[in-house]
Amino acid sequence: MSAEAHAGLGPKLGQMRQSFRGWRGQRPFWGGLLSILGGLPIMYFPYANLAIGNMTIKMATTAGAGSLIIGILLVVLGLTMWFQPHSRVFAGVAAILLALVSLVVSNFGGFVIGFLLALVGGGLGISWAPAEQQDDSAGKGGDHATSSPDATPVVPPVAGATYQVAGVNDDVSGTSPNNGTNGRHRAG
């Protein structure tokens, strides 16, 4: 959209759009949307009628109730990803499992359309992670290590250096950093 189009939308619509963008960024939105969209064909196709001219083909199967339950659960799991983002991993795993079950139960997972949408949606729900909180001082140009005058700078470790605690070496396993094994055991 051009700048003129944004100006004509008004401040209320622009504010609602920014608010929705913020809401969408705080949860696995696309994973939930694809899970919901995956549940719809799984629910619909077992109860659909295909009309070819004067002939009607009813696609109802014996697993119609199972397809309906799987589709409803996928929609509920998609909504769970939206409104309970802390349970996104459970909802994503459950969506993937239901998508796999739908291959057998409901006409190849809604003719593979619902299966693929639910599978990708569950994967997106599992892989989504909340954004890291930014420090207020980082945005102001300050640094924690240099912000206070008496702060001691942190020195990175030197490669090849040995770090020992004063006192007796009580490592009886022979796997200390001093002898170069660092906890790795050798066979033989």
Protein backbone atom coordinates (compact mmCIF):
# COMPACT_ATOMS: atom_id res chain seq x y z
CA MET A 1 0.00 0.00 0.00
CA SER A 2 1.17 3.49 -0.70
CA ALA A 3 1.60 6.28 1.82
CA GLU A 4 -1.58 7.94 0.54
CA ALA A 5 -3.55 4.75 1.17
CA HIS A 6 -2.27 4.57 4.75
CA ALA A 7 -3.28 8.15 5.36
CA GLY A 8 -6.82 7.44 4.20
CA LEU A 9 -7.28 4.46 6.50
CA GLY A 10 -7.49 6.58 9.58
CA PRO A 11 -5.67 6.31 12.88
CA LYS A 12 -8.09 3.77 14.39
CA LEU A 13 -7.57 1.16 11.66
CA GLY A 14 -3.82 1.69 11.73
CA GLN A 15 -3.80 1.26 15.49
CA MET A 16 -5.87 -1.94 15.23
CA ARG A 17 -3.48 -3.28 12.59
CA GLN A 18 -0.45 -2.57 14.79
CA SER A 19 -2.20 -4.14 17.75
CA PHE A 20 -2.98 -7.28 15.74
CA ARG A 21 0.63 -7.42 14.54
CA GLY A 22 1.83 -7.30 18.15
CA TRP A 23 -0.66 -9.98 19.21
CA ARG A 24 0.34 -12.18 16.28
CA GLY A 25 4.02 -11.87 17.14
CA GLN A 26 3.53 -13.12 20.71
CA ARG A 27 2.17 -16.56 19.76
CA PRO A 28 2.57 -19.26 17.09
CA PHE A 29 -0.02 -17.61 14.84
CA TRP A 30 0.79 -19.36 11.57
CA GLY A 31 1.05 -22.77 13.21
CA GLY A 32 -2.38 -22.30 14.77
CA LEU A 33 -3.87 -21.03 11.52
CA LEU A 34 -2.54 -23.96 9.49
CA SER A 35 -3.76 -26.43 12.13
CA ILE A 36 -7.24 -24.89 11.99
CA LEU A 37 -7.22 -24.92 8.18
CA GLY A 38 -6.01 -28.54 8.25
CA GLY A 39 -8.93 -29.58 10.42
CA LEU A 40 -11.55 -28.16 8.07
CA PRO A 41 -11.09 -30.51 5.07
CA ILE A 42 -10.68 -33.48 7.40
CA MET A 43 -14.09 -32.64 8.91
CA TYR A 44 -15.77 -31.72 5.63
CA PHE A 45 -14.89 -34.42 3.07
CA PRO A 46 -16.40 -37.47 4.85
CA TYR A 47 -19.78 -35.68 4.88
CA ALA A 48 -19.55 -34.05 1.43
CA ASN A 49 -21.69 -34.90 -1.58
CA LEU A 50 -20.17 -34.69 -5.03
CA ALA A 51 -22.70 -33.84 -7.75
CA ILE A 52 -21.77 -34.75 -11.32
CA GLY A 53 -24.67 -33.78 -13.55
CA ASN A 54 -27.75 -35.60 -12.24
CA MET A 55 -25.68 -38.14 -10.33
CA THR A 56 -24.81 -37.52 -6.68
CA ILE A 57 -21.90 -39.34 -5.08
CA LYS A 58 -22.01 -39.47 -1.30
CA MET A 59 -18.53 -39.67 0.16
CA ALA A 60 -19.62 -40.76 3.65
CA THR A 61 -17.49 -43.45 5.18
CA THR A 62 -17.73 -45.59 8.27
CA ALA A 63 -15.10 -43.39 9.85
CA GLY A 64 -17.19 -40.22 9.51
CA ALA A 65 -17.46 -39.73 13.28
CA GLY A 66 -13.72 -40.28 13.68
CA SER A 67 -13.02 -37.72 10.98
CA LEU A 68 -15.32 -35.24 12.66
CA ILE A 69 -13.57 -35.72 16.01
CA ILE A 70 -10.10 -35.39 14.46
CA GLY A 71 -11.10 -32.23 12.60
CA ILE A 72 -12.64 -30.64 15.69
CA LEU A 73 -9.57 -31.51 17.77
CA LEU A 74 -7.28 -29.95 15.15
CA VAL A 75 -9.35 -26.75 15.23
CA VAL A 76 -9.23 -26.72 19.04
CA LEU A 77 -5.46 -27.32 19.01
CA GLY A 78 -5.00 -24.44 16.56
CA LEU A 79 -6.99 -22.18 18.86
CA THR A 80 -4.93 -23.46 21.80
CA MET A 81 -1.75 -22.37 19.99
CA TRP A 82 -3.27 -18.90 19.62
CA PHE A 83 -4.73 -18.35 23.05
CA GLN A 84 -2.43 -20.50 25.24
CA PRO A 85 1.01 -20.04 23.62
CA HIS A 86 2.81 -21.62 26.59
CA SER A 87 1.26 -24.99 25.64
CA ARG A 88 2.39 -24.73 22.02
CA VAL A 89 4.64 -27.82 22.16
CA PHE A 90 1.83 -30.08 23.39
CA ALA A 91 -0.60 -28.65 20.84
CA GLY A 92 1.95 -29.03 18.04
CA VAL A 93 2.77 -32.65 18.88
CA ALA A 94 -0.92 -33.49 19.22
CA ALA A 95 -1.66 -31.81 15.86
CA ILE A 96 1.07 -33.84 14.16
CA LEU A 97 -0.20 -37.09 15.69
CA LEU A 98 -3.80 -36.31 14.70
CA ALA A 99 -2.65 -35.45 11.18
CA LEU A 100 -0.94 -38.84 10.93
CA VAL A 101 -4.03 -40.63 12.26
CA SER A 102 -6.21 -38.76 9.76
CA LEU A 103 -4.38 -40.48 6.90
CA VAL A 104 -5.94 -43.77 7.93
CA VAL A 105 -9.23 -42.58 9.36
CA SER A 106 -10.53 -39.87 7.05
CA ASN A 107 -10.02 -40.25 3.31
CA PHE A 108 -6.24 -39.91 3.32
CA GLY A 109 -6.32 -36.95 5.70
CA GLY A 110 -8.86 -34.89 3.79
CA PHE A 111 -7.33 -35.94 0.47
CA VAL A 112 -3.86 -35.05 1.78
CA ILE A 113 -4.76 -31.34 1.96
CA GLY A 114 -5.78 -31.42 5.61
CA PHE A 115 -2.96 -33.80 6.46
CA LEU A 116 -0.27 -31.50 5.05
CA LEU A 117 -1.75 -28.34 6.56
CA ALA A 118 -2.05 -29.94 10.01
CA LEU A 119 1.42 -31.46 9.79
CA VAL A 120 3.09 -28.16 8.89
CA GLY A 121 0.97 -26.27 11.43
CA GLY A 122 1.97 -28.66 14.21
CA GLY A 123 5.62 -28.34 13.23
CA LEU A 124 5.39 -24.55 13.28
CA GLY A 125 3.71 -24.69 16.69
CA ILE A 126 6.52 -26.82 18.10
CA SER A 127 9.33 -24.75 16.59
CA TRP A 128 7.97 -21.32 17.54
CA ALA A 129 9.74 -19.59 20.45
CA PRO A 130 8.85 -16.33 22.15
CA ALA A 131 11.00 -13.33 21.33
CA GLU A 132 13.82 -12.46 23.71
CA GLN A 133 13.16 -9.49 25.97
CA GLN A 134 15.50 -6.62 25.17
CA ASP A 135 17.24 -4.69 27.93
CA ASP A 136 16.22 -1.07 28.40
CA SER A 137 19.86 -0.05 28.84
CA ALA A 138 20.85 -1.64 25.52
CA GLY A 139 18.40 0.59 23.69
CA LYS A 140 19.81 3.69 25.41
CA GLY A 141 23.37 2.92 24.37
CA GLY A 142 24.47 1.81 27.84
CA ASP A 143 26.31 -1.38 28.69
CA HIS A 144 25.99 -3.26 31.96
CA ALA A 145 29.72 -3.92 32.29
CA THR A 146 30.70 -0.30 31.75
CA SER A 147 27.67 1.48 33.20
CA SER A 148 28.90 1.49 36.80
CA PRO A 149 32.31 3.00 37.49
CA ASP A 150 33.49 0.18 39.80
CA ALA A 151 32.42 -2.70 37.52
CA THR A 152 35.20 -5.15 36.74
CA PRO A 153 35.43 -6.03 33.07
CA VAL A 154 34.90 -9.68 32.28
CA VAL A 155 37.97 -11.24 30.69
CA PRO A 156 37.31 -14.03 28.21
CA PRO A 157 39.16 -17.28 28.89
CA VAL A 158 42.50 -17.73 27.19
CA ALA A 159 42.86 -20.73 24.91
CA GLY A 160 45.32 -23.28 26.31
CA ALA A 161 45.43 -21.73 29.77
CA THR A 162 44.95 -23.90 32.84
CA TYR A 163 42.61 -22.73 35.52
CA GLN A 164 43.27 -24.21 38.94
CA VAL A 165 41.69 -23.59 42.27
CA ALA A 166 44.24 -23.03 45.00
CA GLY A 167 44.59 -26.12 47.12
CA VAL A 168 44.89 -29.83 46.67
CA ASN A 169 43.88 -31.43 43.39
CA ASP A 170 41.19 -33.88 44.47
CA ASP A 171 40.46 -35.22 40.99
CA VAL A 172 40.95 -38.97 41.36
CA SER A 173 39.38 -39.78 38.00
CA GLY A 174 42.28 -38.37 36.02
CA THR A 175 40.01 -36.30 33.82
CA SER A 176 40.89 -32.76 34.83
CA PRO A 177 41.60 -29.95 32.34
CA ASN A 178 45.22 -29.99 33.50
CA ASN A 179 46.01 -33.30 31.82
CA GLY A 180 44.14 -32.44 28.62
CA THR A 181 41.29 -34.94 28.83
CA ASN A 182 38.46 -32.56 29.93
CA GLY A 183 36.22 -35.38 31.10
CA ARG A 184 36.75 -37.58 28.06
CA HIS A 185 37.82 -41.12 28.79
CA ARG A 186 40.06 -43.08 26.50
CA ALA A 187 39.49 -46.73 25.72
CA GLY A 188 42.48 -48.84 26.58
